[in-house]
Amino acid sequence: MAHVERLLVNLRILSRVEPFEKLNTKSGDTLVIEGGGWGSGSSVARWARGDNRANAIKRLNELFDAVQTALLKPLVTRDEERLRSHVASSRHGLCSLRRTYESDSTMTARYDVLLDKVSDLVGESASTSTSESAD
């Protein structure tokens, strides 16, 4: 899968995360959404494969850093527009993950920083992302 296409796929997956769902970051290059109930997304299964919230933040930072790097390179205009659009859509998933970890002030702060990064990438003020994350 081409680099830009992989970024677009992961951004689209992130945009579909709902509150109390989690990301499986140990599934290769592609993020996977796990439900909030028992089963593959249970804390035991996540622990067994070495997955946790810190890994999710790390993978998301890597994703947005890769997007930022891609946007600094000459791209076909359509690819740049699609990347920026998918980054903007990913805000929903970030806000959902922030809500999932709302009792952990360190994690909510990290998601706030990611939301600020999203605003920077799409050219919006940080206050827009902060007000949406409070919803």
C-alpha atoms as a PDB file:
ATOM      1  CA  MET A   1       0.000   0.000   0.000  1.00  0.00           C
ATOM      2  CA  ALA A   2       1.382   3.414  -0.933  1.00  0.00           C
ATOM      3  CA  HIS A   3       2.432   5.709   1.898  1.00  0.00           C
ATOM      4  CA  VAL A   4      -0.249   8.370   1.346  1.00  0.00           C
ATOM      5  CA  GLU A   5      -2.908   5.695   0.936  1.00  0.00           C
ATOM      6  CA  ARG A   6      -1.890   4.054   4.244  1.00  0.00           C
ATOM      7  CA  LEU A   7      -2.150   7.445   5.970  1.00  0.00           C
ATOM      8  CA  LEU A   8      -5.603   8.010   4.465  1.00  0.00           C
ATOM      9  CA  VAL A   9      -6.805   4.562   5.586  1.00  0.00           C
ATOM     10  CA  ASN A  10      -5.604   5.063   9.166  1.00  0.00           C
ATOM     11  CA  LEU A  11      -7.086   8.563   9.341  1.00  0.00           C
ATOM     12  CA  ARG A  12     -10.402   7.220   8.077  1.00  0.00           C
ATOM     13  CA  ILE A  13     -10.322   4.398  10.660  1.00  0.00           C
ATOM     14  CA  LEU A  14      -9.532   6.910  13.398  1.00  0.00           C
ATOM     15  CA  SER A  15     -12.454   9.091  12.316  1.00  0.00           C
ATOM     16  CA  ARG A  16     -14.818   6.170  12.998  1.00  0.00           C
ATOM     17  CA  VAL A  17     -13.823   5.562  16.622  1.00  0.00           C
ATOM     18  CA  GLU A  18     -16.710   6.094  19.023  1.00  0.00           C
ATOM     19  CA  PRO A  19     -16.534   6.816  22.778  1.00  0.00           C
ATOM     20  CA  PHE A  20     -15.338   3.858  24.863  1.00  0.00           C
ATOM     21  CA  GLU A  21     -13.897   2.035  21.864  1.00  0.00           C
ATOM     22  CA  LYS A  22     -10.149   1.519  21.779  1.00  0.00           C
ATOM     23  CA  LEU A  23      -7.473   1.167  19.144  1.00  0.00           C
ATOM     24  CA  ASN A  24      -5.544  -2.033  18.576  1.00  0.00           C
ATOM     25  CA  THR A  25      -2.081  -0.743  17.721  1.00  0.00           C
ATOM     26  CA  LYS A  26      -0.473  -4.188  17.454  1.00  0.00           C
ATOM     27  CA  SER A  27      -2.163  -5.190  14.203  1.00  0.00           C
ATOM     28  CA  GLY A  28       0.554  -4.103  11.783  1.00  0.00           C
ATOM     29  CA  ASP A  29       0.486  -0.856   9.826  1.00  0.00           C
ATOM     30  CA  THR A  30      -3.285  -0.481   9.985  1.00  0.00           C
ATOM     31  CA  LEU A  31      -5.184   0.654  13.072  1.00  0.00           C
ATOM     32  CA  VAL A  32      -8.071  -1.535  14.234  1.00  0.00           C
ATOM     33  CA  ILE A  33     -11.042  -0.365  16.305  1.00  0.00           C
ATOM     34  CA  GLU A  34     -12.075  -2.577  19.207  1.00  0.00           C
ATOM     35  CA  GLY A  35     -15.408  -2.354  20.980  1.00  0.00           C
ATOM     36  CA  GLY A  36     -15.713  -1.402  24.590  1.00  0.00           C
ATOM     37  CA  GLY A  37     -17.117  -4.761  25.717  1.00  0.00           C
ATOM     38  CA  TRP A  38     -15.558  -8.107  26.557  1.00  0.00           C
ATOM     39  CA  GLY A  39     -13.702 -10.093  23.935  1.00  0.00           C
ATOM     40  CA  SER A  40     -10.754  -9.054  21.806  1.00  0.00           C
ATOM     41  CA  GLY A  41     -10.881  -5.560  23.261  1.00  0.00           C
ATOM     42  CA  SER A  42     -10.863  -6.696  26.874  1.00  0.00           C
ATOM     43  CA  SER A  43      -8.122  -5.446  29.128  1.00  0.00           C
ATOM     44  CA  VAL A  44      -6.748  -8.992  29.457  1.00  0.00           C
ATOM     45  CA  ALA A  45      -6.495  -9.458  25.678  1.00  0.00           C
ATOM     46  CA  ARG A  46      -4.923  -6.010  25.303  1.00  0.00           C
ATOM     47  CA  TRP A  47      -2.424  -6.793  28.059  1.00  0.00           C
ATOM     48  CA  ALA A  48      -1.587 -10.191  26.547  1.00  0.00           C
ATOM     49  CA  ARG A  49      -0.605  -8.639  23.216  1.00  0.00           C
ATOM     50  CA  GLY A  50       1.257  -5.762  24.902  1.00  0.00           C
ATOM     51  CA  ASP A  51      -1.196  -3.063  23.860  1.00  0.00           C
ATOM     52  CA  ASN A  52      -2.165  -0.111  26.037  1.00  0.00           C
ATOM     53  CA  ARG A  53      -3.207   3.535  25.945  1.00  0.00           C
ATOM     54  CA  ALA A  54       0.398   4.736  25.834  1.00  0.00           C
ATOM     55  CA  ASN A  55       0.950   2.679  22.653  1.00  0.00           C
ATOM     56  CA  ALA A  56      -2.182   4.220  21.141  1.00  0.00           C
ATOM     57  CA  ILE A  57      -0.925   7.751  21.787  1.00  0.00           C
ATOM     58  CA  LYS A  58       2.482   6.832  20.382  1.00  0.00           C
ATOM     59  CA  ARG A  59       0.948   5.387  17.191  1.00  0.00           C
ATOM     60  CA  LEU A  60      -1.330   8.396  16.779  1.00  0.00           C
ATOM     61  CA  ASN A  61       1.593  10.793  17.198  1.00  0.00           C
ATOM     62  CA  GLU A  62       3.510   8.786  14.591  1.00  0.00           C
ATOM     63  CA  LEU A  63       0.494   8.950  12.271  1.00  0.00           C
ATOM     64  CA  PHE A  64       0.121  12.719  12.525  1.00  0.00           C
ATOM     65  CA  ASP A  65       3.895  13.253  12.266  1.00  0.00           C
ATOM     66  CA  ALA A  66       3.848  11.187   9.047  1.00  0.00           C
ATOM     67  CA  VAL A  67       0.950  13.259   7.732  1.00  0.00           C
ATOM     68  CA  GLN A  68       2.824  16.457   8.561  1.00  0.00           C
ATOM     69  CA  THR A  69       5.926  15.152   6.760  1.00  0.00           C
ATOM     70  CA  ALA A  70       3.852  14.107   3.738  1.00  0.00           C
ATOM     71  CA  LEU A  71       2.245  17.548   3.561  1.00  0.00           C
ATOM     72  CA  LEU A  72       5.679  19.190   3.510  1.00  0.00           C
ATOM     73  CA  LYS A  73       6.593  17.260   0.363  1.00  0.00           C
ATOM     74  CA  PRO A  74       5.270  18.099  -3.076  1.00  0.00           C
ATOM     75  CA  LEU A  75       2.022  16.159  -3.484  1.00  0.00           C
ATOM     76  CA  VAL A  76      -0.608  15.912  -6.134  1.00  0.00           C
ATOM     77  CA  THR A  77      -3.161  18.573  -5.162  1.00  0.00           C
ATOM     78  CA  ARG A  78      -5.862  15.936  -4.773  1.00  0.00           C
ATOM     79  CA  ASP A  79      -3.716  13.945  -2.304  1.00  0.00           C
ATOM     80  CA  GLU A  80      -3.059  17.056  -0.232  1.00  0.00           C
ATOM     81  CA  GLU A  81      -6.770  17.933  -0.159  1.00  0.00           C
ATOM     82  CA  ARG A  82      -7.702  14.374   0.804  1.00  0.00           C
ATOM     83  CA  LEU A  83      -5.085  14.262   3.573  1.00  0.00           C
ATOM     84  CA  ARG A  84      -6.283  17.553   5.062  1.00  0.00           C
ATOM     85  CA  SER A  85      -9.912  16.447   4.820  1.00  0.00           C
ATOM     86  CA  HIS A  86      -9.203  13.100   6.495  1.00  0.00           C
ATOM     87  CA  VAL A  87      -7.153  14.818   9.204  1.00  0.00           C
ATOM     88  CA  ALA A  88     -10.114  17.107   9.934  1.00  0.00           C
ATOM     89  CA  SER A  89     -12.459  14.084  10.074  1.00  0.00           C
ATOM     90  CA  SER A  90     -10.122  12.283  12.465  1.00  0.00           C
ATOM     91  CA  ARG A  91     -10.992  14.870  15.120  1.00  0.00           C
ATOM     92  CA  HIS A  92     -14.158  12.857  15.894  1.00  0.00           C
ATOM     93  CA  GLY A  93     -12.132   9.758  16.795  1.00  0.00           C
ATOM     94  CA  LEU A  94      -9.659  11.744  18.870  1.00  0.00           C
ATOM     95  CA  CYS A  95     -12.504  13.326  20.820  1.00  0.00           C
ATOM     96  CA  SER A  96     -14.038   9.868  21.319  1.00  0.00           C
ATOM     97  CA  LEU A  97     -10.746   8.460  22.614  1.00  0.00           C
ATOM     98  CA  ARG A  98     -10.341  11.496  24.862  1.00  0.00           C
ATOM     99  CA  ARG A  99     -13.763  10.718  26.306  1.00  0.00           C
ATOM    100  CA  THR A 100     -12.812   7.052  26.748  1.00  0.00           C
ATOM    101  CA  TYR A 101      -9.883   8.110  28.939  1.00  0.00           C
ATOM    102  CA  GLU A 102     -11.512  11.166  30.549  1.00  0.00           C
ATOM    103  CA  SER A 103     -10.697   9.965  34.081  1.00  0.00           C
ATOM    104  CA  ASP A 104      -6.959  10.000  33.221  1.00  0.00           C
ATOM    105  CA  SER A 105      -5.810  13.619  33.181  1.00  0.00           C
ATOM    106  CA  THR A 106      -2.491  12.748  31.542  1.00  0.00           C
ATOM    107  CA  MET A 107      -4.218  10.980  28.664  1.00  0.00           C
ATOM    108  CA  THR A 108      -6.759  13.761  28.161  1.00  0.00           C
ATOM    109  CA  ALA A 109      -3.882  16.254  28.020  1.00  0.00           C
ATOM    110  CA  ARG A 110      -2.148  14.104  25.399  1.00  0.00           C
ATOM    111  CA  TYR A 111      -5.333  13.935  23.330  1.00  0.00           C
ATOM    112  CA  ASP A 112      -5.701  17.716  23.653  1.00  0.00           C
ATOM    113  CA  VAL A 113      -2.189  18.091  22.211  1.00  0.00           C
ATOM    114  CA  LEU A 114      -3.130  15.771  19.333  1.00  0.00           C
ATOM    115  CA  LEU A 115      -6.262  17.826  18.719  1.00  0.00           C
ATOM    116  CA  ASP A 116      -4.091  20.954  18.588  1.00  0.00           C
ATOM    117  CA  LYS A 117      -1.866  19.182  16.056  1.00  0.00           C
ATOM    118  CA  VAL A 118      -4.943  18.398  13.952  1.00  0.00           C
ATOM    119  CA  SER A 119      -5.941  22.065  14.044  1.00  0.00           C
ATOM    120  CA  ASP A 120      -2.452  23.051  12.925  1.00  0.00           C
ATOM    121  CA  LEU A 121      -2.530  20.559  10.051  1.00  0.00           C
ATOM    122  CA  VAL A 122      -5.894  21.767   8.750  1.00  0.00           C
ATOM    123  CA  GLY A 123      -5.182  25.424   9.427  1.00  0.00           C
ATOM    124  CA  GLU A 124      -7.710  26.075  12.207  1.00  0.00           C
ATOM    125  CA  SER A 125      -7.267  27.808  15.522  1.00  0.00           C
ATOM    126  CA  ALA A 126      -6.575  25.560  18.523  1.00  0.00           C
ATOM    127  CA  SER A 127      -9.647  26.931  20.323  1.00  0.00           C
ATOM    128  CA  THR A 128     -11.857  25.136  17.769  1.00  0.00           C
ATOM    129  CA  SER A 129     -10.435  21.714  18.638  1.00  0.00           C
ATOM    130  CA  THR A 130     -10.491  22.421  22.374  1.00  0.00           C
ATOM    131  CA  SER A 131     -14.175  23.379  22.321  1.00  0.00           C
ATOM    132  CA  GLU A 132     -15.047  20.222  20.363  1.00  0.00           C
ATOM    133  CA  SER A 133     -13.056  17.998  22.713  1.00  0.00           C
ATOM    134  CA  ALA A 134     -15.021  19.346  25.676  1.00  0.00           C
ATOM    135  CA  ASP A 135     -18.276  18.007  24.142  1.00  0.00           C
END
